[in-house]
Amino acid sequence: MTGPSLAQVRELHGRRWEIMDFYGGWIAYRRQPWSSTAARFGVANVVGADDLEDLARQLDEQTQAESRRKNRYPPPLPDHP
């Protein structure tokens, strides 16, 4: 069984992450970083892996961490006159 291709990982995560090969492995960094206080929910601004399969798994985990953070501290509702 083969892992995901770079095109597949970019299709799933490329809107939020810049994904690139890095000295025989892979890194991804957020296009718009989160504050350091989000780290307590497991949110990271940079992730790295030896292969694309592991990187894709970590990016999926980041999506889950973002959801945990957003559920705990949702954005404020807009003011209505």
Protein backbone atom coordinates (compact mmCIF):
# COMPACT_ATOMS: atom_id res chain seq x y z
CA MET A 1 0.00 0.00 0.00
CA THR A 2 1.39 3.39 -0.95
CA GLY A 3 0.96 6.60 1.00
CA PRO A 4 -0.59 9.82 -0.23
CA SER A 5 1.00 11.83 -3.02
CA LEU A 6 2.19 15.40 -2.56
CA ALA A 7 -0.71 16.55 -4.75
CA GLN A 8 -3.21 14.77 -2.48
CA VAL A 9 -1.74 16.26 0.70
CA ARG A 10 -1.70 19.73 -0.86
CA GLU A 11 -5.29 19.34 -2.03
CA LEU A 12 -6.44 18.51 1.50
CA HIS A 13 -4.25 20.92 3.47
CA GLY A 14 -2.67 23.37 1.05
CA ARG A 15 -5.05 26.25 1.74
CA ARG A 16 -3.83 26.50 5.34
CA TRP A 17 -0.35 25.01 5.06
CA GLU A 18 2.73 25.53 2.90
CA ILE A 19 4.11 22.02 2.31
CA MET A 20 7.64 21.31 1.08
CA ASP A 21 10.36 18.71 1.03
CA PHE A 22 13.15 19.40 3.47
CA TYR A 23 16.45 17.49 3.49
CA GLY A 24 14.89 14.11 2.69
CA GLY A 25 11.78 14.68 4.82
CA TRP A 26 8.80 17.01 4.75
CA ILE A 27 7.73 20.14 6.60
CA ALA A 28 4.57 22.18 6.65
CA TYR A 29 4.13 25.62 8.09
CA ARG A 30 0.94 27.60 8.50
CA ARG A 31 0.16 30.29 5.99
CA GLN A 32 -1.44 32.27 8.86
CA PRO A 33 0.11 31.32 12.20
CA TRP A 34 -1.89 30.80 15.37
CA SER A 35 -0.93 32.52 18.59
CA SER A 36 1.31 30.68 21.03
CA THR A 37 -1.61 30.36 23.48
CA ALA A 38 -3.27 27.88 21.09
CA ALA A 39 -0.41 25.44 21.77
CA ARG A 40 -2.20 24.14 24.87
CA PHE A 41 -4.82 22.68 22.52
CA GLY A 42 -2.12 20.97 20.45
CA VAL A 43 -2.10 23.62 17.71
CA ALA A 44 1.34 24.03 16.09
CA ASN A 45 2.54 26.42 13.42
CA VAL A 46 5.18 24.05 11.99
CA VAL A 47 5.16 20.25 11.68
CA GLY A 48 7.73 17.93 10.19
CA ALA A 49 7.87 14.27 9.17
CA ASP A 50 10.09 11.73 7.45
CA ASP A 51 7.41 10.83 4.88
CA LEU A 52 4.23 12.28 3.39
CA GLU A 53 2.00 9.72 5.11
CA ASP A 54 3.17 10.86 8.54
CA LEU A 55 2.95 14.52 7.53
CA ALA A 56 -0.64 14.02 6.31
CA ARG A 57 -1.51 12.33 9.62
CA GLN A 58 -0.04 15.25 11.58
CA LEU A 59 -1.93 17.78 9.46
CA ASP A 60 -5.16 15.86 10.12
CA GLU A 61 -4.35 16.02 13.84
CA GLN A 62 -3.80 19.78 13.51
CA THR A 63 -7.27 20.15 12.00
CA GLN A 64 -8.67 18.33 15.05
CA ALA A 65 -6.64 20.54 17.41
CA GLU A 66 -7.97 23.66 15.67
CA SER A 67 -11.52 22.38 16.20
CA ARG A 68 -10.86 21.77 19.91
CA ARG A 69 -9.54 25.30 20.25
CA LYS A 70 -12.42 26.84 18.28
CA ASN A 71 -15.00 24.89 20.29
CA ARG A 72 -13.46 26.06 23.55
CA TYR A 73 -13.11 29.69 22.49
CA PRO A 74 -15.47 30.42 19.59
CA PRO A 75 -15.18 33.79 17.86
CA PRO A 76 -17.41 36.52 19.31
CA LEU A 77 -20.76 37.13 17.70
CA PRO A 78 -21.07 40.35 15.73
CA ASP A 79 -22.89 43.22 17.40
CA HIS A 80 -26.34 43.92 16.04
CA PRO A 81 -27.99 47.33 16.42
